[in-house]
Amino acid sequence: MAINRLFAFFILMVSCNLYFSQDVSIKDDKVLLNGKQILKTEKINVTQYSFFSMKDDEEVLMYKYMDNETPRYVSDDYFILNFLTEKTKVESTDLAKIANFMNSKKGMEKLVRWLLKERVINQDGELNSERVAIFKEKYDENITQRTLR
């Protein structure tokens, strides 16, 4: 009887993961969600990406990786998510949320999945103002304000 319950629980967990998983990919400067383009993207360099709206081609999000001017010391590195249309900036040291070794495109795909999960962007690639504010409250560490320069 315990094995049946364990098996049922396992099936439930697998089905939930399959239901909530979304296929996000970046190809030819297009962000695709389950094959449908939701955003345009431009890779500025290895440490900076910009995301543009499909409606009016306006830049809605800028991602930037900061090494804090200490390239050999990674413990103080952080990233900035600048939601330009919302005039909101989020700075975080939680690099595990988006990090992918030596492949910035895969990291940006991970970033889009995270923003979809947090409902900051919807299935059409549009920002949700209320969710951007909640996202800032949850993840912003306000690094530049508390760092002496």
Protein backbone atom coordinates (compact mmCIF):
# COMPACT_ATOMS: atom_id res chain seq x y z
CA MET A 1 0.00 0.00 0.00
CA ALA A 2 2.84 2.42 0.82
CA ILE A 3 4.45 1.69 -2.54
CA ASN A 4 1.24 2.61 -4.35
CA ARG A 5 1.06 5.96 -2.53
CA LEU A 6 4.72 6.65 -3.24
CA PHE A 7 4.23 5.79 -6.91
CA ALA A 8 1.15 8.04 -7.13
CA PHE A 9 3.07 10.90 -5.50
CA PHE A 10 5.94 10.41 -7.95
CA ILE A 11 3.57 10.51 -10.95
CA LEU A 12 1.94 13.66 -9.58
CA MET A 13 5.31 15.41 -9.18
CA VAL A 14 6.45 14.46 -12.69
CA SER A 15 3.19 15.63 -14.25
CA CYS A 16 3.38 18.98 -12.42
CA ASN A 17 6.94 19.53 -13.66
CA LEU A 18 5.91 18.72 -17.24
CA TYR A 19 2.88 21.00 -16.99
CA PHE A 20 4.83 24.00 -15.70
CA SER A 21 7.90 23.54 -17.89
CA GLN A 22 8.05 25.85 -20.84
CA ASP A 23 10.30 25.60 -23.85
CA VAL A 24 12.23 28.88 -24.00
CA SER A 25 14.89 29.35 -26.64
CA ILE A 26 16.78 32.21 -28.24
CA LYS A 27 17.43 31.88 -31.96
CA ASP A 28 18.34 34.57 -34.48
CA ASP A 29 17.74 37.40 -31.97
CA LYS A 30 14.24 36.07 -31.18
CA VAL A 31 13.01 34.84 -27.82
CA LEU A 32 10.73 31.88 -28.51
CA LEU A 33 8.26 30.44 -26.02
CA ASN A 34 6.99 27.04 -27.17
CA GLY A 35 7.89 28.06 -30.74
CA LYS A 36 6.11 31.45 -30.63
CA GLN A 37 8.17 34.65 -30.65
CA ILE A 38 7.47 36.78 -27.58
CA LEU A 39 10.46 39.17 -27.50
CA LYS A 40 13.34 40.37 -29.64
CA THR A 41 16.82 40.33 -28.20
CA GLU A 42 20.17 41.91 -28.91
CA LYS A 43 23.43 40.66 -27.50
CA ILE A 44 25.53 43.75 -26.81
CA ASN A 45 28.50 41.71 -25.53
CA VAL A 46 29.09 38.65 -23.35
CA THR A 47 27.91 40.49 -20.24
CA GLN A 48 24.99 42.52 -21.59
CA TYR A 49 21.69 41.68 -23.32
CA SER A 50 18.72 43.84 -24.27
CA PHE A 51 15.15 42.60 -24.76
CA PHE A 52 12.63 44.42 -26.94
CA SER A 53 8.84 44.37 -27.11
CA MET A 54 7.16 42.80 -30.13
CA LYS A 55 4.48 45.52 -30.22
CA ASP A 56 6.50 48.69 -30.63
CA ASP A 57 10.12 47.48 -30.67
CA GLU A 58 10.76 49.36 -27.41
CA GLU A 59 13.52 48.12 -25.11
CA VAL A 60 11.77 46.69 -22.04
CA LEU A 61 14.58 44.87 -20.23
CA MET A 62 18.34 45.22 -20.06
CA TYR A 63 20.50 42.57 -18.40
CA LYS A 64 24.04 43.40 -17.34
CA TYR A 65 26.61 41.30 -15.49
CA MET A 66 28.93 43.27 -13.21
CA ASP A 67 32.25 41.89 -12.00
CA ASN A 68 32.48 44.81 -9.54
CA GLU A 69 35.83 45.80 -11.05
CA THR A 70 37.47 42.70 -9.55
CA PRO A 71 37.74 40.19 -12.42
CA ARG A 72 39.70 37.59 -10.43
CA TYR A 73 37.44 37.73 -7.37
CA VAL A 74 33.97 36.37 -8.19
CA SER A 75 32.38 36.46 -4.75
CA ASP A 76 31.38 40.10 -5.20
CA ASP A 77 29.92 39.71 -8.72
CA TYR A 78 26.27 40.54 -9.36
CA PHE A 79 23.82 41.18 -12.16
CA ILE A 80 21.46 44.02 -12.93
CA LEU A 81 18.00 43.64 -14.44
CA ASN A 82 16.79 47.03 -15.59
CA PHE A 83 13.08 47.03 -16.43
CA LEU A 84 13.25 50.17 -18.52
CA THR A 85 9.55 50.78 -19.20
CA GLU A 86 8.79 50.33 -15.49
CA LYS A 87 11.78 52.45 -14.38
CA THR A 88 12.78 49.64 -11.99
CA LYS A 89 16.23 48.21 -11.38
CA VAL A 90 16.97 44.92 -9.62
CA GLU A 91 20.50 44.05 -8.48
CA SER A 92 21.23 40.55 -7.19
CA THR A 93 24.18 38.36 -6.31
CA ASP A 94 22.13 35.17 -6.78
CA LEU A 95 23.92 34.15 -9.96
CA ALA A 96 22.59 30.60 -9.74
CA LYS A 97 19.22 31.87 -11.02
CA ILE A 98 20.66 32.58 -14.46
CA ALA A 99 24.23 31.28 -14.58
CA ASN A 100 25.30 28.87 -17.27
CA PHE A 101 28.99 28.24 -17.70
CA MET A 102 30.46 29.88 -20.83
CA ASN A 103 27.16 30.25 -22.70
CA SER A 104 25.41 33.56 -22.26
CA LYS A 105 22.53 32.56 -24.58
CA LYS A 106 21.61 29.62 -22.32
CA GLY A 107 21.83 31.95 -19.32
CA MET A 108 19.41 34.37 -20.96
CA GLU A 109 17.02 31.51 -21.71
CA LYS A 110 17.20 30.63 -18.02
CA LEU A 111 16.50 34.29 -17.17
CA VAL A 112 13.38 34.35 -19.35
CA ARG A 113 12.14 31.10 -17.75
CA TRP A 114 12.64 32.68 -14.32
CA LEU A 115 10.72 35.83 -15.31
CA LEU A 116 7.90 33.70 -16.73
CA LYS A 117 7.76 31.63 -13.54
CA GLU A 118 7.59 34.78 -11.41
CA ARG A 119 4.92 36.12 -13.84
CA VAL A 120 6.98 39.27 -14.47
CA ILE A 121 6.44 38.70 -18.18
CA ASN A 122 3.40 36.95 -19.58
CA GLN A 123 3.01 34.44 -22.42
CA ASP A 124 2.95 37.36 -24.91
CA GLY A 125 6.20 38.89 -23.62
CA GLU A 126 4.54 41.86 -21.92
CA LEU A 127 5.67 43.13 -18.51
CA ASN A 128 3.27 43.01 -15.58
CA SER A 129 3.81 46.18 -13.50
CA GLU A 130 2.55 44.68 -10.25
CA ARG A 131 4.71 41.57 -10.63
CA VAL A 132 7.79 43.71 -11.46
CA ALA A 133 7.30 45.52 -8.13
CA ILE A 134 6.94 42.19 -6.28
CA PHE A 135 10.00 40.82 -8.10
CA LYS A 136 12.00 43.85 -6.97
CA GLU A 137 10.88 43.35 -3.36
CA LYS A 138 11.84 39.67 -3.45
CA TYR A 139 15.22 39.80 -5.19
CA ASP A 140 16.70 43.32 -5.14
CA GLU A 141 19.77 43.58 -2.91
CA ASN A 142 20.43 47.28 -3.62
CA ILE A 143 24.13 46.64 -4.15
CA THR A 144 25.23 50.00 -5.60
CA GLN A 145 23.58 51.95 -2.77
CA ARG A 146 25.34 50.00 -0.06
CA THR A 147 28.75 49.83 -1.76
CA LEU A 148 31.27 52.61 -1.16
CA ARG A 149 32.99 53.89 -4.30
